N, C-alpha and C. Protein backbone atom coordinates (compact mmCIF):
# COMPACT_ATOMS: atom_id res chain seq x y z
N MET A 1 -0.26 -125.95 83.90
CA MET A 1 0.60 -125.63 83.14
C MET A 1 0.59 -124.53 82.45
N ARG A 2 1.16 -124.50 81.58
CA ARG A 2 1.22 -122.89 80.31
C ARG A 2 0.15 -123.22 79.36
N SER A 3 0.26 -122.81 78.19
CA SER A 3 -0.92 -122.51 77.37
C SER A 3 -0.31 -123.15 76.57
N ARG A 4 0.85 -123.52 75.88
CA ARG A 4 1.69 -124.47 75.08
C ARG A 4 1.15 -125.43 75.32
N GLU A 5 1.86 -125.45 76.65
CA GLU A 5 1.72 -127.37 77.04
C GLU A 5 0.34 -127.67 77.40
N ILE A 6 -0.70 -126.83 77.49
CA ILE A 6 -2.31 -127.31 77.71
C ILE A 6 -2.91 -128.05 76.10
N GLU A 7 -2.28 -126.53 75.31
CA GLU A 7 -2.73 -127.16 73.86
C GLU A 7 -1.73 -128.54 73.48
N GLU A 8 -0.87 -128.59 73.59
CA GLU A 8 0.08 -129.97 73.36
C GLU A 8 -0.58 -131.12 74.38
N TYR A 9 -0.85 -131.05 75.22
CA TYR A 9 -1.79 -131.70 76.34
C TYR A 9 -3.03 -132.47 75.16
N LYS A 10 -3.68 -131.51 75.34
CA LYS A 10 -5.46 -131.72 74.68
C LYS A 10 -4.95 -132.45 73.55
N ARG A 11 -4.06 -132.36 72.77
CA ARG A 11 -3.78 -132.75 71.04
C ARG A 11 -3.88 -134.05 71.12
N GLY A 12 -3.34 -134.56 72.23
CA GLY A 12 -3.33 -136.55 72.80
C GLY A 12 -4.94 -136.83 73.55
N LEU A 13 -5.91 -136.14 73.52
CA LEU A 13 -7.01 -136.95 74.35
C LEU A 13 -7.73 -137.32 73.46
N ARG A 14 -8.56 -138.12 73.90
CA ARG A 14 -9.25 -138.92 72.40
C ARG A 14 -10.64 -139.74 73.90
N LEU A 15 -11.96 -139.24 73.38
CA LEU A 15 -12.48 -139.69 74.00
C LEU A 15 -12.63 -141.04 73.44
N THR A 16 -13.17 -142.26 75.11
CA THR A 16 -13.05 -143.76 75.07
C THR A 16 -14.67 -144.19 74.14
N ARG A 17 -14.83 -145.06 74.11
CA ARG A 17 -16.32 -145.53 73.77
C ARG A 17 -17.09 -145.15 75.27
N GLU A 18 -16.73 -145.87 76.03
CA GLU A 18 -17.02 -145.79 77.27
C GLU A 18 -17.82 -144.10 77.63
N GLN A 19 -16.60 -143.29 77.59
CA GLN A 19 -17.30 -141.42 77.78
C GLN A 19 -17.90 -140.88 76.34
N ARG A 20 -18.11 -141.58 75.53
CA ARG A 20 -18.90 -141.40 74.53
C ARG A 20 -20.38 -141.82 74.52
N GLU A 21 -20.90 -142.79 75.00
CA GLU A 21 -22.11 -143.82 75.37
C GLU A 21 -22.29 -142.42 76.65
N VAL A 22 -21.47 -142.41 77.84
CA VAL A 22 -22.02 -141.66 78.92
C VAL A 22 -22.09 -140.73 78.80
N LEU A 23 -21.32 -139.64 77.85
CA LEU A 23 -21.37 -138.38 77.38
C LEU A 23 -22.92 -138.33 76.80
N ILE A 24 -23.50 -139.39 76.02
CA ILE A 24 -25.37 -139.43 75.28
C ILE A 24 -25.83 -139.36 76.66
N GLY A 25 -25.55 -140.35 77.65
CA GLY A 25 -27.02 -139.62 78.92
C GLY A 25 -26.82 -138.75 79.13
N LEU A 26 -25.47 -138.13 79.57
CA LEU A 26 -25.64 -136.87 80.36
C LEU A 26 -26.23 -135.62 79.44
N MET A 27 -26.14 -136.25 77.85
CA MET A 27 -26.67 -135.04 77.26
C MET A 27 -27.85 -134.50 77.17
N LEU A 28 -28.85 -135.41 77.34
CA LEU A 28 -30.08 -136.30 77.58
C LEU A 28 -30.47 -135.82 79.18
N GLY A 29 -29.64 -135.62 80.10
CA GLY A 29 -29.68 -135.04 81.54
C GLY A 29 -29.69 -134.03 81.22
N ASP A 30 -29.10 -133.30 82.63
CA ASP A 30 -28.48 -132.46 83.15
C ASP A 30 -27.41 -131.50 82.31
N ALA A 31 -26.89 -132.14 81.90
CA ALA A 31 -24.91 -131.65 81.84
C ALA A 31 -25.39 -130.61 80.34
N HIS A 32 -24.45 -129.57 80.27
CA HIS A 32 -24.64 -128.68 78.83
C HIS A 32 -22.35 -128.74 78.51
N LEU A 33 -22.83 -128.26 77.07
CA LEU A 33 -21.63 -128.55 76.55
C LEU A 33 -21.91 -126.67 76.18
N GLU A 34 -20.41 -126.12 76.33
CA GLU A 34 -20.40 -124.56 76.38
C GLU A 34 -19.67 -123.88 75.07
N THR A 35 -19.36 -123.11 74.50
CA THR A 35 -18.32 -122.89 73.78
C THR A 35 -17.77 -121.20 74.23
N GLN A 36 -16.21 -121.03 73.63
CA GLN A 36 -15.91 -119.83 74.40
C GLN A 36 -15.36 -119.34 72.78
N ASN A 37 -15.70 -119.78 71.63
CA ASN A 37 -14.90 -119.43 70.96
C ASN A 37 -15.84 -119.91 69.16
N ASN A 38 -17.06 -119.03 69.57
CA ASN A 38 -17.48 -119.04 68.43
C ASN A 38 -17.84 -121.15 67.90
N GLY A 39 -18.26 -121.86 68.66
CA GLY A 39 -18.56 -123.63 67.99
C GLY A 39 -17.16 -124.15 67.86
N ARG A 40 -15.79 -123.67 67.74
CA ARG A 40 -14.68 -124.11 67.23
C ARG A 40 -14.23 -125.49 68.73
N THR A 41 -14.10 -124.74 69.14
CA THR A 41 -14.26 -126.39 70.89
C THR A 41 -15.35 -125.87 70.97
N TYR A 42 -15.49 -126.96 72.40
CA TYR A 42 -16.75 -127.11 73.62
C TYR A 42 -16.04 -127.66 74.54
N ARG A 43 -16.84 -127.63 75.43
CA ARG A 43 -16.66 -127.66 77.21
C ARG A 43 -17.52 -128.35 77.67
N LEU A 44 -17.58 -129.31 78.71
CA LEU A 44 -18.77 -130.33 78.95
C LEU A 44 -18.95 -129.11 80.80
N LYS A 45 -20.12 -129.57 80.80
CA LYS A 45 -20.72 -129.06 82.12
C LYS A 45 -21.33 -129.76 83.10
N VAL A 46 -20.59 -130.30 84.05
CA VAL A 46 -22.03 -130.89 84.89
C VAL A 46 -22.20 -130.31 86.60
N GLU A 47 -23.17 -130.42 86.53
CA GLU A 47 -23.76 -130.26 87.62
C GLU A 47 -24.64 -130.96 88.74
N GLN A 48 -24.62 -131.00 89.84
CA GLN A 48 -25.63 -132.23 90.99
C GLN A 48 -26.22 -131.41 91.85
N SER A 49 -27.23 -132.00 92.73
CA SER A 49 -27.47 -131.00 94.36
C SER A 49 -26.07 -132.06 94.67
N GLU A 50 -25.35 -131.20 96.48
CA GLU A 50 -25.22 -132.31 97.08
C GLU A 50 -25.46 -133.40 97.37
N ALA A 51 -26.76 -133.91 97.48
CA ALA A 51 -27.37 -135.52 97.93
C ALA A 51 -26.38 -136.12 96.78
N HIS A 52 -26.23 -135.59 95.59
CA HIS A 52 -25.29 -136.45 94.21
C HIS A 52 -24.11 -136.25 94.09
N LEU A 53 -23.35 -135.99 95.18
CA LEU A 53 -21.90 -136.01 95.15
C LEU A 53 -20.77 -136.80 94.90
N ALA A 54 -21.64 -137.83 95.40
CA ALA A 54 -20.96 -139.38 94.90
C ALA A 54 -20.80 -139.10 93.20
N TYR A 55 -22.12 -139.41 92.78
CA TYR A 55 -22.54 -138.52 91.70
C TYR A 55 -21.68 -138.00 90.79
N ILE A 56 -21.17 -137.01 90.83
CA ILE A 56 -20.67 -135.87 90.46
C ILE A 56 -19.33 -136.53 90.27
N ARG A 57 -18.56 -137.01 91.82
CA ARG A 57 -17.55 -137.42 91.49
C ARG A 57 -16.70 -138.43 91.29
N HIS A 58 -17.98 -139.45 90.84
CA HIS A 58 -17.82 -140.90 89.92
C HIS A 58 -17.86 -140.11 88.33
N LEU A 59 -18.25 -139.34 88.05
CA LEU A 59 -18.06 -138.48 86.65
C LEU A 59 -16.86 -137.87 86.53
N TYR A 60 -16.67 -137.46 87.76
CA TYR A 60 -15.26 -136.15 87.50
C TYR A 60 -14.29 -137.77 87.40
N GLN A 61 -14.18 -138.70 87.98
CA GLN A 61 -12.83 -139.45 87.53
C GLN A 61 -13.25 -140.55 86.40
N LEU A 62 -14.93 -140.81 85.37
CA LEU A 62 -14.37 -140.95 84.19
C LEU A 62 -13.95 -139.52 83.31
N PHE A 63 -14.01 -138.42 83.88
CA PHE A 63 -13.47 -137.55 82.32
C PHE A 63 -12.17 -137.17 83.24
N ALA A 64 -11.66 -138.39 84.22
CA ALA A 64 -10.44 -137.42 84.72
C ALA A 64 -9.35 -136.15 83.97
N GLU A 65 -9.37 -136.94 82.78
CA GLU A 65 -8.09 -136.99 82.03
C GLU A 65 -8.40 -135.18 80.84
N TRP A 66 -10.03 -135.27 80.93
CA TRP A 66 -10.40 -133.90 80.27
C TRP A 66 -10.86 -132.64 81.06
N VAL A 67 -10.41 -133.08 82.86
CA VAL A 67 -10.76 -132.31 84.06
C VAL A 67 -8.75 -131.78 84.46
N ARG A 68 -9.38 -130.31 84.60
CA ARG A 68 -8.00 -129.52 85.27
C ARG A 68 -8.39 -129.46 87.03
N THR A 69 -9.76 -129.25 86.85
CA THR A 69 -9.61 -128.54 88.28
C THR A 69 -10.75 -130.01 88.69
N PRO A 70 -10.65 -130.24 90.25
CA PRO A 70 -11.87 -131.09 90.69
C PRO A 70 -12.97 -130.68 91.08
N PRO A 71 -13.95 -131.66 91.25
CA PRO A 71 -15.47 -130.50 91.50
C PRO A 71 -15.35 -129.77 92.30
N GLN A 72 -16.36 -128.34 92.30
CA GLN A 72 -16.55 -127.38 93.02
C GLN A 72 -17.79 -127.59 93.71
N ALA A 73 -17.75 -126.37 95.02
CA ALA A 73 -19.07 -126.35 95.12
C ALA A 73 -19.36 -125.08 95.31
N LYS A 74 -21.14 -125.13 94.98
CA LYS A 74 -21.65 -123.75 94.68
C LYS A 74 -22.78 -123.50 95.26
N LEU A 75 -23.50 -122.13 96.45
CA LEU A 75 -24.55 -122.04 96.95
C LEU A 75 -25.54 -121.33 95.54
N VAL A 76 -26.83 -122.06 95.87
CA VAL A 76 -27.63 -122.02 95.31
C VAL A 76 -28.60 -121.41 95.36
N ARG A 77 -29.53 -120.08 95.16
CA ARG A 77 -30.16 -119.90 95.60
C ARG A 77 -31.36 -119.83 94.69
N SER A 78 -32.76 -120.20 95.94
CA SER A 78 -34.37 -120.82 94.75
C SER A 78 -35.30 -120.26 95.74
N ARG A 79 -36.02 -119.60 95.10
CA ARG A 79 -37.39 -119.26 96.55
C ARG A 79 -37.01 -119.19 98.06
N GLY A 80 -35.91 -118.12 98.05
CA GLY A 80 -35.64 -118.18 99.77
C GLY A 80 -35.39 -118.79 100.11
N HIS A 81 -34.78 -120.14 99.45
CA HIS A 81 -34.17 -121.38 100.04
C HIS A 81 -32.64 -121.19 99.27
N VAL A 82 -31.42 -121.52 100.27
CA VAL A 82 -29.95 -121.76 99.75
C VAL A 82 -29.75 -123.23 99.99
N SER A 83 -28.99 -123.72 98.87
CA SER A 83 -28.67 -125.43 99.08
C SER A 83 -27.08 -125.64 98.09
N ARG A 84 -26.31 -126.01 98.51
CA ARG A 84 -25.01 -126.08 97.93
C ARG A 84 -25.52 -127.35 96.68
N ASN A 85 -24.39 -126.92 95.55
CA ASN A 85 -23.93 -127.96 94.26
C ASN A 85 -22.91 -127.91 94.13
N TRP A 86 -22.59 -129.36 93.51
CA TRP A 86 -21.16 -129.39 93.16
C TRP A 86 -21.34 -129.58 91.55
N TRP A 87 -19.94 -129.25 90.96
CA TRP A 87 -20.23 -129.37 89.02
C TRP A 87 -18.39 -129.00 88.91
N PHE A 88 -18.21 -129.32 87.79
CA PHE A 88 -17.08 -129.35 87.33
C PHE A 88 -17.03 -128.81 85.22
N GLN A 89 -16.37 -129.17 84.93
CA GLN A 89 -15.94 -128.39 83.46
C GLN A 89 -14.57 -129.56 83.11
N THR A 90 -15.03 -130.15 81.58
CA THR A 90 -13.92 -129.84 80.74
C THR A 90 -13.33 -129.23 80.40
N LEU A 91 -11.62 -129.57 80.02
CA LEU A 91 -10.95 -129.00 78.67
C LEU A 91 -12.05 -128.30 77.70
N SER A 92 -11.39 -127.38 77.22
CA SER A 92 -12.30 -127.27 75.87
C SER A 92 -11.74 -127.76 74.72
N HIS A 93 -12.89 -128.54 73.83
CA HIS A 93 -12.11 -129.88 73.12
C HIS A 93 -12.59 -129.66 71.81
N SER A 94 -12.21 -129.87 70.46
CA SER A 94 -12.87 -129.72 69.18
C SER A 94 -14.01 -131.53 69.47
N ALA A 95 -13.26 -132.76 70.13
CA ALA A 95 -13.78 -134.03 70.12
C ALA A 95 -15.56 -133.54 70.95
N PHE A 96 -15.87 -132.26 71.77
CA PHE A 96 -17.38 -132.43 71.74
C PHE A 96 -18.04 -131.22 70.81
N ARG A 97 -17.16 -130.48 69.97
CA ARG A 97 -18.17 -130.24 68.84
C ARG A 97 -19.35 -131.03 67.77
N PHE A 98 -19.03 -132.22 67.94
CA PHE A 98 -19.65 -132.82 67.00
C PHE A 98 -21.53 -133.16 67.82
N TYR A 99 -20.55 -133.08 69.35
CA TYR A 99 -21.58 -134.17 69.95
C TYR A 99 -22.72 -132.16 70.12
N ALA A 100 -22.27 -131.08 70.81
CA ALA A 100 -23.00 -129.95 70.31
C ALA A 100 -23.84 -129.36 69.42
N HIS A 101 -23.06 -129.55 67.88
CA HIS A 101 -24.04 -129.60 66.89
C HIS A 101 -25.37 -130.78 66.66
N GLN A 102 -25.10 -132.25 67.30
CA GLN A 102 -25.92 -132.68 67.85
C GLN A 102 -26.97 -132.51 68.92
N PHE A 103 -27.01 -132.00 69.71
CA PHE A 103 -27.83 -131.47 70.97
C PHE A 103 -28.64 -129.96 70.89
N TYR A 104 -27.82 -129.32 70.07
CA TYR A 104 -28.28 -127.63 69.82
C TYR A 104 -28.85 -127.27 69.28
N ARG A 105 -30.06 -126.54 69.12
CA ARG A 105 -30.60 -126.31 68.10
C ARG A 105 -31.16 -124.80 67.95
N ASP A 106 -30.55 -123.70 67.68
CA ASP A 106 -30.78 -122.18 67.85
C ASP A 106 -30.38 -121.60 69.08
N GLY A 107 -29.56 -122.96 69.31
CA GLY A 107 -29.35 -122.62 71.09
C GLY A 107 -30.22 -123.07 72.36
N ARG A 108 -30.85 -124.03 71.65
CA ARG A 108 -31.59 -125.02 72.43
C ARG A 108 -31.33 -126.24 72.47
N LYS A 109 -31.26 -126.82 73.67
CA LYS A 109 -31.11 -128.06 73.65
C LYS A 109 -32.08 -129.06 73.26
N CYS A 110 -32.29 -129.90 71.92
CA CYS A 110 -32.37 -130.88 71.53
C CYS A 110 -32.58 -132.40 71.53
N VAL A 111 -32.78 -132.86 71.23
CA VAL A 111 -32.73 -134.32 70.75
C VAL A 111 -32.67 -134.55 69.41
N PRO A 112 -30.96 -135.22 69.41
CA PRO A 112 -30.42 -135.12 68.02
C PRO A 112 -31.35 -136.80 67.27
N ARG A 113 -31.31 -136.46 66.07
CA ARG A 113 -31.95 -136.79 64.83
C ARG A 113 -32.34 -138.76 65.00
N LEU A 114 -31.10 -138.53 65.14
CA LEU A 114 -29.85 -140.09 65.39
C LEU A 114 -30.33 -140.64 66.66
N ILE A 115 -30.79 -140.00 67.54
CA ILE A 115 -30.77 -140.63 68.92
C ILE A 115 -30.72 -142.04 68.55
N HIS A 116 -30.96 -142.96 68.17
CA HIS A 116 -31.65 -144.11 67.93
C HIS A 116 -30.51 -145.47 67.73
N ARG A 117 -29.41 -144.46 66.87
CA ARG A 117 -28.22 -144.82 66.79
C ARG A 117 -27.18 -145.48 68.32
N TRP A 118 -27.24 -144.11 68.87
CA TRP A 118 -26.58 -143.86 69.89
C TRP A 118 -27.17 -144.51 71.71
N LEU A 119 -28.07 -144.60 71.73
CA LEU A 119 -28.99 -144.39 73.08
C LEU A 119 -28.61 -146.06 73.50
N THR A 120 -27.76 -146.42 74.23
CA THR A 120 -26.77 -147.96 74.61
C THR A 120 -27.84 -147.79 76.18
N PRO A 121 -27.36 -149.27 76.15
CA PRO A 121 -28.03 -149.49 77.57
C PRO A 121 -27.11 -148.28 78.70
N ARG A 122 -26.03 -148.19 78.56
CA ARG A 122 -25.08 -147.12 79.63
C ARG A 122 -25.41 -146.06 79.42
N ALA A 123 -25.75 -145.83 78.10
CA ALA A 123 -26.04 -144.30 78.04
C ALA A 123 -27.30 -144.08 79.02
N LEU A 124 -28.72 -145.42 78.67
CA LEU A 124 -29.80 -145.14 79.09
C LEU A 124 -29.80 -144.84 80.81
N ALA A 125 -28.53 -145.81 81.40
CA ALA A 125 -27.81 -146.05 82.55
C ALA A 125 -27.63 -144.45 83.76
N TYR A 126 -26.97 -143.77 82.52
CA TYR A 126 -26.31 -142.55 82.68
C TYR A 126 -27.81 -141.08 82.91
N TRP A 127 -28.51 -141.44 81.57
CA TRP A 127 -29.25 -140.58 81.63
C TRP A 127 -30.53 -140.60 83.08
N PHE A 128 -31.32 -141.91 83.26
CA PHE A 128 -31.44 -142.30 85.07
C PHE A 128 -30.77 -141.93 85.95
N MET A 129 -29.78 -142.04 86.00
CA MET A 129 -28.70 -141.65 87.40
C MET A 129 -29.20 -140.05 87.19
N ASP A 130 -29.19 -139.36 86.38
CA ASP A 130 -28.95 -138.22 86.16
C ASP A 130 -30.55 -137.53 86.54
N ASP A 131 -31.13 -137.87 85.70
CA ASP A 131 -33.04 -137.23 85.38
C ASP A 131 -34.38 -138.29 85.80
N GLY A 132 -33.75 -139.53 86.29
CA GLY A 132 -34.95 -140.94 86.57
C GLY A 132 -35.23 -140.77 88.11
N SER A 133 -36.41 -140.95 88.00
CA SER A 133 -36.64 -142.24 89.30
C SER A 133 -37.99 -143.00 88.64
N VAL A 134 -38.25 -143.68 90.14
CA VAL A 134 -39.17 -144.51 89.97
C VAL A 134 -40.10 -143.93 90.91
N LYS A 135 -41.69 -144.05 90.16
CA LYS A 135 -43.48 -143.08 90.43
C LYS A 135 -43.40 -144.08 91.66
N SER A 136 -43.21 -145.35 91.89
CA SER A 136 -43.30 -146.08 93.53
C SER A 136 -42.63 -147.40 93.35
N ALA A 137 -43.09 -147.78 94.54
CA ALA A 137 -42.15 -149.06 94.54
C ALA A 137 -43.18 -150.08 94.30
N GLN A 138 -44.62 -149.43 94.38
CA GLN A 138 -45.80 -150.65 94.03
C GLN A 138 -45.92 -150.45 92.77
N SER A 139 -46.30 -149.29 92.15
CA SER A 139 -46.33 -149.33 90.48
C SER A 139 -45.30 -149.89 90.15
N LYS A 140 -43.84 -149.23 90.23
CA LYS A 140 -42.71 -149.25 89.38
C LYS A 140 -42.60 -148.72 88.24
N GLY A 141 -43.17 -147.92 88.09
CA GLY A 141 -43.06 -147.31 86.99
C GLY A 141 -41.92 -146.38 86.83
N VAL A 142 -41.40 -146.15 85.60
CA VAL A 142 -39.93 -145.02 85.55
C VAL A 142 -40.24 -143.72 84.80
N LEU A 143 -40.05 -143.04 85.62
CA LEU A 143 -40.08 -141.42 85.25
C LEU A 143 -39.06 -140.80 84.37
N ILE A 144 -38.57 -140.11 84.12
CA ILE A 144 -37.19 -139.93 83.34
C ILE A 144 -37.96 -138.17 82.85
N ASN A 145 -37.38 -137.40 83.20
CA ASN A 145 -37.46 -135.65 83.31
C ASN A 145 -36.93 -135.28 82.19
N THR A 146 -37.79 -135.04 81.01
CA THR A 146 -37.35 -134.33 79.79
C THR A 146 -38.73 -133.54 79.49
N GLN A 147 -38.77 -132.46 80.48
CA GLN A 147 -39.66 -131.36 80.07
C GLN A 147 -38.72 -129.99 79.32
N ALA A 148 -37.96 -129.94 79.23
CA ALA A 148 -37.63 -128.59 78.00
C ALA A 148 -37.05 -129.46 76.58
N PHE A 149 -38.01 -130.46 76.85
CA PHE A 149 -37.98 -131.52 75.44
C PHE A 149 -39.45 -130.78 74.92
N SER A 150 -39.45 -130.66 73.39
CA SER A 150 -41.14 -130.43 72.90
C SER A 150 -41.35 -131.95 73.14
N LEU A 151 -42.82 -132.13 73.11
CA LEU A 151 -43.53 -132.59 72.78
C LEU A 151 -42.82 -133.97 71.53
N GLY A 152 -42.96 -133.25 70.31
CA GLY A 152 -42.19 -134.30 69.65
C GLY A 152 -40.85 -135.21 69.90
N GLU A 153 -40.34 -134.32 70.42
CA GLU A 153 -38.80 -134.84 70.59
C GLU A 153 -38.74 -136.17 72.11
N VAL A 154 -39.96 -135.57 73.60
CA VAL A 154 -40.51 -136.65 73.25
C VAL A 154 -40.91 -137.72 72.96
N GLN A 155 -41.79 -137.91 72.11
CA GLN A 155 -42.44 -139.02 71.72
C GLN A 155 -41.39 -139.66 70.70
N ARG A 156 -40.59 -138.89 69.98
CA ARG A 156 -38.71 -139.58 69.18
C ARG A 156 -38.35 -140.51 70.46
N LEU A 157 -38.17 -140.24 71.80
CA LEU A 157 -37.09 -140.59 72.04
C LEU A 157 -38.17 -141.76 73.08
N CYS A 158 -39.32 -141.53 73.23
CA CYS A 158 -40.59 -143.33 73.60
C CYS A 158 -40.09 -144.10 72.47
N GLN A 159 -39.98 -144.19 71.19
CA GLN A 159 -40.45 -144.52 70.73
C GLN A 159 -38.80 -145.15 70.36
N VAL A 160 -38.34 -144.64 70.27
CA VAL A 160 -36.81 -145.29 70.81
C VAL A 160 -36.73 -146.54 71.92
N LEU A 161 -36.94 -146.10 72.65
CA LEU A 161 -36.82 -147.19 73.84
C LEU A 161 -37.64 -148.39 73.58
N GLN A 162 -39.07 -148.02 73.14
CA GLN A 162 -39.72 -148.85 72.05
C GLN A 162 -39.04 -150.37 71.72
N GLU A 163 -38.50 -148.99 70.86
CA GLU A 163 -37.80 -149.68 69.32
C GLU A 163 -36.54 -150.89 69.66
N ARG A 164 -35.79 -150.26 70.29
CA ARG A 164 -34.54 -150.33 70.35
C ARG A 164 -34.18 -151.61 71.63
N PHE A 165 -34.99 -151.21 72.95
CA PHE A 165 -35.43 -151.82 73.93
C PHE A 165 -36.35 -152.76 74.80
N ASP A 166 -37.73 -152.99 73.65
CA ASP A 166 -38.89 -153.49 74.23
C ASP A 166 -39.94 -152.94 74.96
N LEU A 167 -39.46 -151.03 75.94
CA LEU A 167 -39.92 -151.08 76.74
C LEU A 167 -41.35 -149.93 76.52
N LYS A 168 -42.24 -150.62 77.60
CA LYS A 168 -43.57 -150.11 76.82
C LYS A 168 -43.57 -148.24 77.34
N THR A 169 -43.57 -147.38 76.39
CA THR A 169 -43.77 -145.70 76.97
C THR A 169 -44.58 -145.04 76.45
N GLN A 170 -44.60 -143.70 77.16
CA GLN A 170 -45.23 -143.09 76.77
C GLN A 170 -45.26 -141.56 77.09
N PRO A 171 -45.68 -140.49 76.62
CA PRO A 171 -44.99 -138.64 77.23
C PRO A 171 -46.12 -138.89 77.95
N ARG A 172 -45.56 -138.07 79.41
CA ARG A 172 -46.32 -137.67 80.40
C ARG A 172 -46.50 -136.42 80.89
N LYS A 173 -47.40 -135.43 80.60
CA LYS A 173 -48.06 -134.31 80.54
C LYS A 173 -48.10 -134.04 82.04
N GLN A 174 -46.90 -133.15 81.88
CA GLN A 174 -46.26 -132.40 83.37
C GLN A 174 -47.02 -131.01 83.66
N ARG A 175 -47.46 -129.49 83.95
CA ARG A 175 -47.44 -128.50 84.32
C ARG A 175 -46.43 -127.46 82.94
N GLU A 176 -45.53 -128.43 83.20
CA GLU A 176 -44.19 -127.98 82.36
C GLU A 176 -43.54 -128.01 81.55
N GLY A 177 -43.94 -129.44 80.73
CA GLY A 177 -44.48 -130.41 79.75
C GLY A 177 -44.04 -131.43 79.89
N TYR A 178 -43.50 -132.38 79.25
CA TYR A 178 -43.83 -133.68 79.46
C TYR A 178 -42.35 -134.48 79.93
N GLN A 179 -42.54 -135.44 80.75
CA GLN A 179 -41.51 -136.40 81.12
C GLN A 179 -41.94 -138.15 80.63
N VAL A 180 -40.68 -138.64 80.17
CA VAL A 180 -40.73 -140.63 79.85
C VAL A 180 -41.58 -140.58 80.60
N TYR A 181 -42.45 -141.67 80.17
CA TYR A 181 -42.52 -142.55 81.24
C TYR A 181 -42.64 -143.83 80.96
N ILE A 182 -42.18 -144.99 81.56
CA ILE A 182 -41.73 -146.53 81.06
C ILE A 182 -42.63 -147.51 81.96
N SER A 183 -43.60 -148.22 81.21
CA SER A 183 -44.52 -148.68 82.26
C SER A 183 -44.16 -149.76 83.24
N GLY A 184 -44.96 -149.69 84.22
CA GLY A 184 -44.31 -151.01 85.53
C GLY A 184 -44.55 -152.34 84.26
N GLU A 185 -44.97 -152.33 83.68
CA GLU A 185 -44.58 -153.96 82.96
C GLU A 185 -43.46 -153.69 82.27
N SER A 186 -42.89 -152.76 81.89
CA SER A 186 -41.51 -153.54 81.37
C SER A 186 -40.69 -152.75 82.66
N TYR A 187 -40.55 -153.01 83.87
CA TYR A 187 -39.69 -152.44 84.77
C TYR A 187 -38.43 -153.42 84.79
N GLU A 188 -38.64 -154.84 85.04
CA GLU A 188 -37.97 -155.90 85.32
C GLU A 188 -36.87 -155.53 83.20
N VAL A 189 -37.51 -155.33 82.55
CA VAL A 189 -36.58 -155.47 81.71
C VAL A 189 -36.09 -153.87 81.49
N PHE A 190 -36.55 -153.00 82.03
CA PHE A 190 -35.38 -151.55 82.40
C PHE A 190 -34.24 -152.08 83.50
N ARG A 191 -34.59 -152.52 83.98
CA ARG A 191 -33.75 -152.91 85.74
C ARG A 191 -33.07 -153.71 85.06
N ASP A 192 -33.03 -154.65 84.24
CA ASP A 192 -31.51 -155.61 84.11
C ASP A 192 -31.03 -154.74 82.92
N LEU A 193 -31.38 -154.06 81.84
CA LEU A 193 -30.55 -152.79 80.93
C LEU A 193 -29.80 -152.24 81.94
N ILE A 194 -29.88 -151.33 82.76
CA ILE A 194 -29.56 -150.39 83.44
C ILE A 194 -28.78 -150.61 84.99
N GLU A 195 -28.93 -151.66 85.52
CA GLU A 195 -28.29 -151.97 86.48
C GLU A 195 -27.05 -152.25 86.58
N PRO A 196 -26.79 -152.76 85.44
CA PRO A 196 -24.94 -152.79 85.45
C PRO A 196 -24.31 -151.98 85.65
N TYR A 197 -24.43 -150.75 85.51
CA TYR A 197 -23.89 -149.46 84.66
C TYR A 197 -23.75 -148.37 86.27
N LEU A 198 -25.11 -149.19 87.40
CA LEU A 198 -25.70 -147.75 88.47
C LEU A 198 -24.14 -148.25 89.20
N ILE A 199 -23.75 -146.23 89.57
CA ILE A 199 -23.15 -146.99 90.70
C ILE A 199 -23.49 -147.21 91.98
N PRO A 200 -22.94 -147.69 93.15
CA PRO A 200 -24.13 -147.83 94.29
C PRO A 200 -24.43 -146.90 95.10
N GLU A 201 -23.55 -145.41 94.82
CA GLU A 201 -24.62 -144.47 95.68
C GLU A 201 -26.23 -144.40 94.63
N MET A 202 -26.61 -145.06 93.45
CA MET A 202 -27.43 -144.58 93.06
C MET A 202 -28.42 -145.90 92.88
N ARG A 203 -28.08 -146.98 93.31
CA ARG A 203 -29.08 -148.17 93.46
C ARG A 203 -30.51 -148.11 94.17
N HIS A 204 -30.11 -147.26 95.10
CA HIS A 204 -31.19 -147.27 95.34
C HIS A 204 -32.58 -146.22 95.00
N LYS A 205 -32.33 -145.91 93.80
CA LYS A 205 -33.55 -145.26 92.66
C LYS A 205 -33.80 -146.29 92.63
N LEU A 206 -33.19 -147.30 92.65
CA LEU A 206 -34.22 -148.80 92.46
C LEU A 206 -34.46 -149.63 93.06
N PRO A 207 -36.13 -150.08 93.10
CA PRO A 207 -36.97 -150.75 93.53
C PRO A 207 -36.62 -152.15 93.86
N PRO A 208 -36.18 -153.54 94.05
CA PRO A 208 -36.47 -154.72 93.45
C PRO A 208 -37.31 -155.33 92.62
N ALA A 209 -37.03 -156.11 91.99
CA ALA A 209 -37.40 -156.64 90.82
C ALA A 209 -38.79 -157.58 91.74
N ARG A 210 -39.65 -157.26 90.89
CA ARG A 210 -40.60 -158.78 91.10
C ARG A 210 -40.20 -160.14 91.29
N GLN A 211 -40.62 -160.43 92.38
CA GLN A 211 -40.85 -162.00 92.53
C GLN A 211 -41.47 -162.95 91.18
N THR A 212 -40.75 -163.58 90.80
CA THR A 212 -41.61 -164.33 89.47
C THR A 212 -41.48 -166.63 89.98
């Protein structure tokens, strides 16, 4: 498309309710919003390891009308080891500006003060697929990596999870920051909340519920 055609096309784009909910989960996880014009418009960038290629393809399909180029591979070097990640990015658009203003402060990613209004079961499911795991099949405690956020922000997330979904949570100290820890006592509630939104390739992250 030529520049004029692209701008005309972008004028017709609107985020759906599903896309908005997914976006909240992705922003709590690993996704980023970038601007190239001092904040007038932003683009969403998503990147995952090759092990999660099916997840990247799923996200690409969810945001397909916002993306011009399919997921691409890139080599990542870390501590002498070379691996392959997959990524894609959306068109730059003013629709993402609201989320950038909520999730970034002074150039740092943060937890929005109004996250309690936006964290739905679908958003929680994508947050878990992005950055969550179960501590063990026995304990069924759920861990969500939030080390990039401050302790106060992690405490806010724990409070929202308790108040909105009745999940027993607490910050869990790690060397590089704090995780959100959801007690195994709340596992069945958590599982019931997010299972309808998990893609088949991510269901292995959730062990079976306890037999009652």
